[in-house]
């Protein structure tokens, strides 16, 4: 008995893009960071965010102080695969902030301006 042509064809499954609904729970607080440190550990980038706390100047303040404390307010590890998306999102948002034209997003990209 001859095989049906449909039985011998291989089915190719092409994943379709799926949107992401970003949720920020109330338990996440927004903190100010005046400094950032970037480290590479194996295949991940670790971003550490710091707030420099300027001391209150009072009589007798040591004007010879050469170092200020910077408190870590957040730390995030990101896969190296997502770094180009993060850079693109930051560049787009900065250009929009400064009134410049945003960088075009690839037609195949599922990310919108501002998300990585």
N, C-alpha and C. Protein backbone atom coordinates (compact mmCIF):
# COMPACT_ATOMS: atom_id res chain seq x y z
N UNK A 1 0.83 -1.17 0.00
CA UNK A 1 0.00 0.00 0.00
C UNK A 1 0.88 1.24 0.00
N UNK A 2 0.59 2.20 -0.87
CA UNK A 2 1.38 3.42 -0.99
C UNK A 2 1.15 4.33 0.21
N UNK A 3 2.24 4.95 0.63
CA UNK A 3 2.12 5.88 1.77
C UNK A 3 1.47 7.17 1.31
N UNK A 4 0.70 7.73 2.16
CA UNK A 4 0.07 9.01 1.90
C UNK A 4 1.17 10.09 1.97
N UNK A 5 1.16 11.04 1.06
CA UNK A 5 2.18 12.10 1.03
C UNK A 5 2.19 12.89 2.32
N UNK A 6 1.04 13.04 2.94
CA UNK A 6 0.95 13.78 4.20
C UNK A 6 1.65 13.05 5.35
N UNK A 7 1.70 11.71 5.27
CA UNK A 7 2.33 10.93 6.33
C UNK A 7 3.85 11.07 6.31
N UNK A 8 4.44 11.32 5.15
CA UNK A 8 5.90 11.39 5.05
C UNK A 8 6.43 12.80 5.21
N UNK A 9 5.56 13.80 5.15
CA UNK A 9 6.03 15.18 5.32
C UNK A 9 6.38 15.44 6.78
N UNK A 10 7.48 16.15 6.99
CA UNK A 10 7.85 16.52 8.35
C UNK A 10 7.18 17.84 8.69
N UNK A 11 6.64 17.87 9.87
CA UNK A 11 5.98 19.08 10.32
C UNK A 11 7.01 19.97 10.99
N UNK A 12 7.03 21.22 10.59
CA UNK A 12 7.93 22.20 11.18
C UNK A 12 7.12 23.13 12.05
N UNK A 13 7.51 23.20 13.29
CA UNK A 13 6.82 24.07 14.23
C UNK A 13 7.63 25.35 14.36
N UNK A 14 7.01 26.45 14.01
CA UNK A 14 7.67 27.75 14.10
C UNK A 14 7.08 28.48 15.29
N UNK A 15 7.93 28.78 16.30
CA UNK A 15 7.38 29.49 17.45
C UNK A 15 6.95 30.90 17.07
N UNK A 16 5.82 31.31 17.59
CA UNK A 16 5.35 32.65 17.30
C UNK A 16 5.69 33.56 18.47
N UNK A 17 5.94 34.82 18.21
CA UNK A 17 6.25 35.74 19.31
C UNK A 17 5.08 35.84 20.28
N UNK A 18 5.40 35.91 21.54
CA UNK A 18 4.40 36.05 22.58
C UNK A 18 4.72 37.32 23.34
N UNK A 19 3.73 38.17 23.53
CA UNK A 19 3.93 39.41 24.26
C UNK A 19 4.17 39.15 25.74
N UNK A 20 4.73 40.14 26.41
CA UNK A 20 4.99 40.06 27.84
C UNK A 20 4.23 41.19 28.52
N UNK A 21 3.46 40.84 29.53
CA UNK A 21 2.73 41.83 30.32
C UNK A 21 3.55 42.09 31.58
N UNK A 22 4.31 43.19 31.60
CA UNK A 22 5.20 43.50 32.70
C UNK A 22 4.39 43.95 33.91
N UNK A 23 4.62 43.31 35.05
CA UNK A 23 3.92 43.65 36.29
C UNK A 23 4.95 44.06 37.33
N UNK A 24 4.70 45.15 38.02
CA UNK A 24 5.56 45.60 39.11
C UNK A 24 4.73 45.58 40.38
N UNK A 25 4.99 44.60 41.28
CA UNK A 25 4.19 44.54 42.50
C UNK A 25 4.48 45.73 43.42
N UNK A 26 3.51 46.01 44.29
CA UNK A 26 3.66 47.12 45.23
C UNK A 26 4.86 46.93 46.15
N UNK A 27 5.31 45.69 46.33
CA UNK A 27 6.44 45.44 47.22
C UNK A 27 7.78 45.89 46.64
N UNK A 28 7.82 46.20 45.34
CA UNK A 28 9.05 46.69 44.71
C UNK A 28 9.10 48.19 44.88
N UNK A 29 10.15 48.67 45.54
CA UNK A 29 10.28 50.11 45.74
C UNK A 29 11.27 50.69 44.74
N UNK A 30 11.04 51.94 44.38
CA UNK A 30 11.93 52.64 43.46
C UNK A 30 12.93 53.41 44.30
N UNK A 31 14.20 53.13 44.07
CA UNK A 31 15.28 53.78 44.81
C UNK A 31 16.13 54.57 43.83
N UNK A 32 16.77 55.61 44.32
CA UNK A 32 17.62 56.45 43.49
C UNK A 32 19.03 55.89 43.45
N UNK A 33 19.62 55.84 42.28
CA UNK A 33 21.01 55.39 42.13
C UNK A 33 21.80 56.48 41.41
N UNK A 34 22.85 56.94 42.05
CA UNK A 34 23.71 57.95 41.42
C UNK A 34 24.95 57.32 40.80
N UNK A 35 25.20 56.07 41.12
CA UNK A 35 26.37 55.35 40.60
C UNK A 35 25.96 53.94 40.20
N UNK A 36 26.69 53.38 39.24
CA UNK A 36 26.43 51.99 38.83
C UNK A 36 27.77 51.31 38.56
N UNK A 37 27.86 50.06 38.96
CA UNK A 37 29.05 49.25 38.68
C UNK A 37 28.60 48.04 37.87
N UNK A 38 29.39 47.70 36.86
CA UNK A 38 29.07 46.56 36.00
C UNK A 38 30.19 45.54 36.11
N UNK A 39 29.81 44.30 36.38
CA UNK A 39 30.78 43.21 36.45
C UNK A 39 30.31 42.08 35.54
N UNK A 40 31.27 41.34 34.98
CA UNK A 40 30.94 40.16 34.20
C UNK A 40 31.39 38.95 35.00
N UNK A 41 30.45 38.06 35.27
CA UNK A 41 30.74 36.83 36.00
C UNK A 41 30.28 35.67 35.13
N UNK A 42 31.23 34.95 34.60
CA UNK A 42 30.99 33.85 33.67
C UNK A 42 30.18 34.33 32.46
N UNK A 43 28.90 33.99 32.38
CA UNK A 43 28.09 34.39 31.22
C UNK A 43 27.05 35.45 31.57
N UNK A 44 27.13 36.00 32.77
CA UNK A 44 26.15 36.99 33.21
C UNK A 44 26.81 38.33 33.48
N UNK A 45 26.02 39.37 33.33
CA UNK A 45 26.43 40.71 33.73
C UNK A 45 25.74 41.01 35.04
N UNK A 46 26.48 41.55 35.99
CA UNK A 46 25.90 41.93 37.28
C UNK A 46 25.96 43.44 37.37
N UNK A 47 24.78 44.06 37.49
CA UNK A 47 24.68 45.52 37.61
C UNK A 47 24.38 45.83 39.07
N UNK A 48 25.25 46.61 39.69
CA UNK A 48 25.06 47.03 41.08
C UNK A 48 24.81 48.53 41.08
N UNK A 49 23.74 48.94 41.74
CA UNK A 49 23.34 50.34 41.77
C UNK A 49 23.58 50.91 43.16
N UNK A 50 24.17 52.12 43.20
CA UNK A 50 24.55 52.74 44.46
C UNK A 50 24.01 54.16 44.56
N UNK A 51 23.72 54.55 45.79
CA UNK A 51 23.36 55.94 46.08
C UNK A 51 24.48 56.53 46.93
N UNK A 52 25.07 57.60 46.44
CA UNK A 52 26.08 58.31 47.22
C UNK A 52 25.34 59.25 48.17
N UNK A 53 25.58 59.06 49.43
CA UNK A 53 24.91 59.88 50.44
C UNK A 53 25.88 60.94 50.92
N UNK A 54 25.59 62.16 50.54
CA UNK A 54 26.44 63.29 50.90
C UNK A 54 26.18 63.62 52.37
N UNK A 55 27.24 63.71 53.16
CA UNK A 55 27.04 63.99 54.59
C UNK A 55 26.52 65.40 54.82
N UNK A 56 25.80 65.55 55.91
CA UNK A 56 25.33 66.87 56.31
C UNK A 56 26.51 67.60 56.92
N UNK A 57 26.82 68.75 56.38
CA UNK A 57 27.98 69.51 56.86
C UNK A 57 27.60 70.28 58.12
N UNK A 58 28.38 70.06 59.15
CA UNK A 58 28.16 70.74 60.42
C UNK A 58 29.48 71.35 60.87
N UNK A 59 29.41 72.26 61.83
CA UNK A 59 30.66 72.82 62.34
C UNK A 59 31.61 71.71 62.78
N UNK A 60 32.84 71.86 62.42
CA UNK A 60 33.84 70.85 62.76
C UNK A 60 33.95 69.75 61.73
N UNK A 61 33.23 69.88 60.60
CA UNK A 61 33.30 68.86 59.53
C UNK A 61 34.72 68.78 58.99
N UNK A 62 35.21 67.59 58.83
CA UNK A 62 36.56 67.38 58.32
C UNK A 62 36.58 67.64 56.81
N UNK A 63 37.08 68.79 56.42
CA UNK A 63 37.08 69.16 55.00
C UNK A 63 38.12 68.39 54.21
N UNK A 64 38.90 67.58 54.89
CA UNK A 64 39.92 66.76 54.22
C UNK A 64 39.36 65.42 53.73
N UNK A 65 38.08 65.18 53.95
CA UNK A 65 37.47 63.91 53.54
C UNK A 65 37.61 63.74 52.03
N UNK A 66 38.11 62.59 51.61
CA UNK A 66 38.30 62.33 50.19
C UNK A 66 37.45 61.16 49.70
N UNK A 67 36.66 60.56 50.59
CA UNK A 67 35.86 59.40 50.21
C UNK A 67 34.46 59.54 50.78
N UNK A 68 33.46 59.33 49.93
CA UNK A 68 32.06 59.34 50.37
C UNK A 68 31.53 57.92 50.33
N UNK A 69 30.59 57.62 51.21
CA UNK A 69 29.97 56.30 51.22
C UNK A 69 28.94 56.19 50.10
N UNK A 70 28.91 55.05 49.47
CA UNK A 70 27.90 54.75 48.46
C UNK A 70 27.20 53.47 48.90
N UNK A 71 25.93 53.56 49.20
CA UNK A 71 25.15 52.42 49.67
C UNK A 71 24.53 51.69 48.47
N UNK A 72 24.69 50.38 48.44
CA UNK A 72 24.07 49.59 47.36
C UNK A 72 22.56 49.57 47.58
N UNK A 73 21.81 50.00 46.56
CA UNK A 73 20.35 50.04 46.65
C UNK A 73 19.69 48.96 45.80
N UNK A 74 20.49 48.26 44.99
CA UNK A 74 19.94 47.19 44.17
C UNK A 74 21.02 46.50 43.37
N UNK A 75 20.78 45.23 43.09
CA UNK A 75 21.75 44.45 42.33
C UNK A 75 20.98 43.48 41.44
N UNK A 76 21.35 43.42 40.16
CA UNK A 76 20.63 42.58 39.20
C UNK A 76 21.64 41.83 38.35
N UNK A 77 21.39 40.54 38.14
CA UNK A 77 22.20 39.74 37.22
C UNK A 77 21.39 39.54 35.94
N UNK A 78 22.04 39.77 34.79
CA UNK A 78 21.37 39.67 33.49
C UNK A 78 22.19 38.76 32.59
N UNK A 79 21.51 37.87 31.89
CA UNK A 79 22.18 37.00 30.92
C UNK A 79 22.85 37.83 29.84
N UNK A 80 24.04 37.42 29.44
CA UNK A 80 24.76 38.15 28.38
C UNK A 80 23.96 38.22 27.09
N UNK A 81 23.06 37.27 26.88
CA UNK A 81 22.22 37.27 25.68
C UNK A 81 21.25 38.45 25.66
N UNK A 82 20.87 38.97 26.83
CA UNK A 82 19.91 40.07 26.91
C UNK A 82 20.57 41.45 26.92
N UNK A 83 21.90 41.51 27.04
CA UNK A 83 22.59 42.80 27.13
C UNK A 83 22.37 43.66 25.88
N UNK A 84 22.45 43.12 24.65
CA UNK A 84 22.18 43.98 23.48
C UNK A 84 20.78 44.59 23.51
N UNK A 85 19.77 43.81 23.98
CA UNK A 85 18.41 44.35 24.09
C UNK A 85 18.35 45.45 25.15
N UNK A 86 19.05 45.25 26.26
CA UNK A 86 19.09 46.27 27.31
C UNK A 86 19.73 47.55 26.80
N UNK A 87 20.84 47.43 26.11
CA UNK A 87 21.54 48.61 25.56
C UNK A 87 20.63 49.34 24.58
N UNK A 88 19.97 48.59 23.70
CA UNK A 88 19.07 49.19 22.71
C UNK A 88 17.92 49.92 23.40
N UNK A 89 17.34 49.31 24.43
CA UNK A 89 16.22 49.93 25.15
C UNK A 89 16.68 51.21 25.85
N UNK A 90 17.87 51.18 26.46
CA UNK A 90 18.40 52.37 27.13
C UNK A 90 18.68 53.48 26.11
N UNK A 91 19.27 53.12 24.97
CA UNK A 91 19.54 54.12 23.93
C UNK A 91 18.25 54.74 23.42
N UNK A 92 17.24 53.92 23.18
CA UNK A 92 15.95 54.43 22.71
C UNK A 92 15.33 55.40 23.71
N UNK A 93 15.30 55.00 24.97
CA UNK A 93 14.69 55.85 25.98
C UNK A 93 15.48 57.14 26.17
N UNK A 94 16.81 57.07 26.08
CA UNK A 94 17.63 58.28 26.23
C UNK A 94 17.40 59.22 25.05
N UNK A 95 17.29 58.67 23.86
CA UNK A 95 17.04 59.51 22.69
C UNK A 95 15.66 60.16 22.77
N UNK A 96 14.67 59.43 23.22
CA UNK A 96 13.34 60.03 23.40
C UNK A 96 13.40 61.12 24.47
N UNK A 97 14.14 60.88 25.54
CA UNK A 97 14.29 61.84 26.63
C UNK A 97 14.94 63.13 26.15
N UNK A 98 15.94 63.02 25.27
CA UNK A 98 16.65 64.20 24.78
C UNK A 98 16.01 64.80 23.54
N UNK A 99 14.89 64.23 23.08
CA UNK A 99 14.19 64.78 21.92
C UNK A 99 14.75 64.33 20.60
N UNK A 100 15.62 63.34 20.61
CA UNK A 100 16.17 62.81 19.37
C UNK A 100 15.26 61.70 18.86
N UNK A 101 15.49 61.27 17.64
CA UNK A 101 14.70 60.18 17.07
C UNK A 101 15.19 58.86 17.64
N UNK A 102 14.26 58.03 18.04
CA UNK A 102 14.61 56.73 18.60
C UNK A 102 15.17 55.83 17.51
N UNK A 103 15.99 54.87 17.92
CA UNK A 103 16.58 53.90 17.01
C UNK A 103 15.46 52.96 16.55
N UNK A 104 15.36 52.71 15.23
CA UNK A 104 14.30 51.80 14.77
C UNK A 104 14.46 50.41 15.38
N UNK A 105 13.35 49.82 15.74
CA UNK A 105 13.35 48.45 16.27
C UNK A 105 13.22 47.51 15.07
N UNK A 106 13.96 46.40 15.11
CA UNK A 106 13.86 45.42 14.03
C UNK A 106 12.42 44.94 13.90
N UNK A 107 11.99 44.72 12.65
CA UNK A 107 10.62 44.26 12.42
C UNK A 107 10.39 42.91 13.10
N UNK A 108 11.44 42.07 13.19
CA UNK A 108 11.29 40.75 13.78
C UNK A 108 11.33 40.79 15.31
N UNK A 109 11.71 41.95 15.85
CA UNK A 109 11.83 42.06 17.30
C UNK A 109 10.45 42.11 17.95
N UNK A 110 10.30 41.37 19.05
CA UNK A 110 9.03 41.40 19.76
C UNK A 110 9.04 42.45 20.85
N UNK A 111 10.18 43.10 21.05
CA UNK A 111 10.29 44.11 22.11
C UNK A 111 9.86 45.47 21.62
N UNK A 112 9.23 46.22 22.50
CA UNK A 112 8.84 47.58 22.18
C UNK A 112 9.93 48.51 22.69
N UNK A 113 9.85 49.77 22.26
CA UNK A 113 10.80 50.75 22.73
C UNK A 113 10.69 50.81 24.25
N UNK A 114 11.82 50.67 24.93
CA UNK A 114 11.84 50.78 26.37
C UNK A 114 11.88 49.47 27.11
N UNK A 115 11.68 48.35 26.42
CA UNK A 115 11.79 47.09 27.12
C UNK A 115 12.98 46.34 26.57
N UNK A 116 13.53 45.50 27.40
CA UNK A 116 14.71 44.74 26.97
C UNK A 116 14.40 43.28 27.02
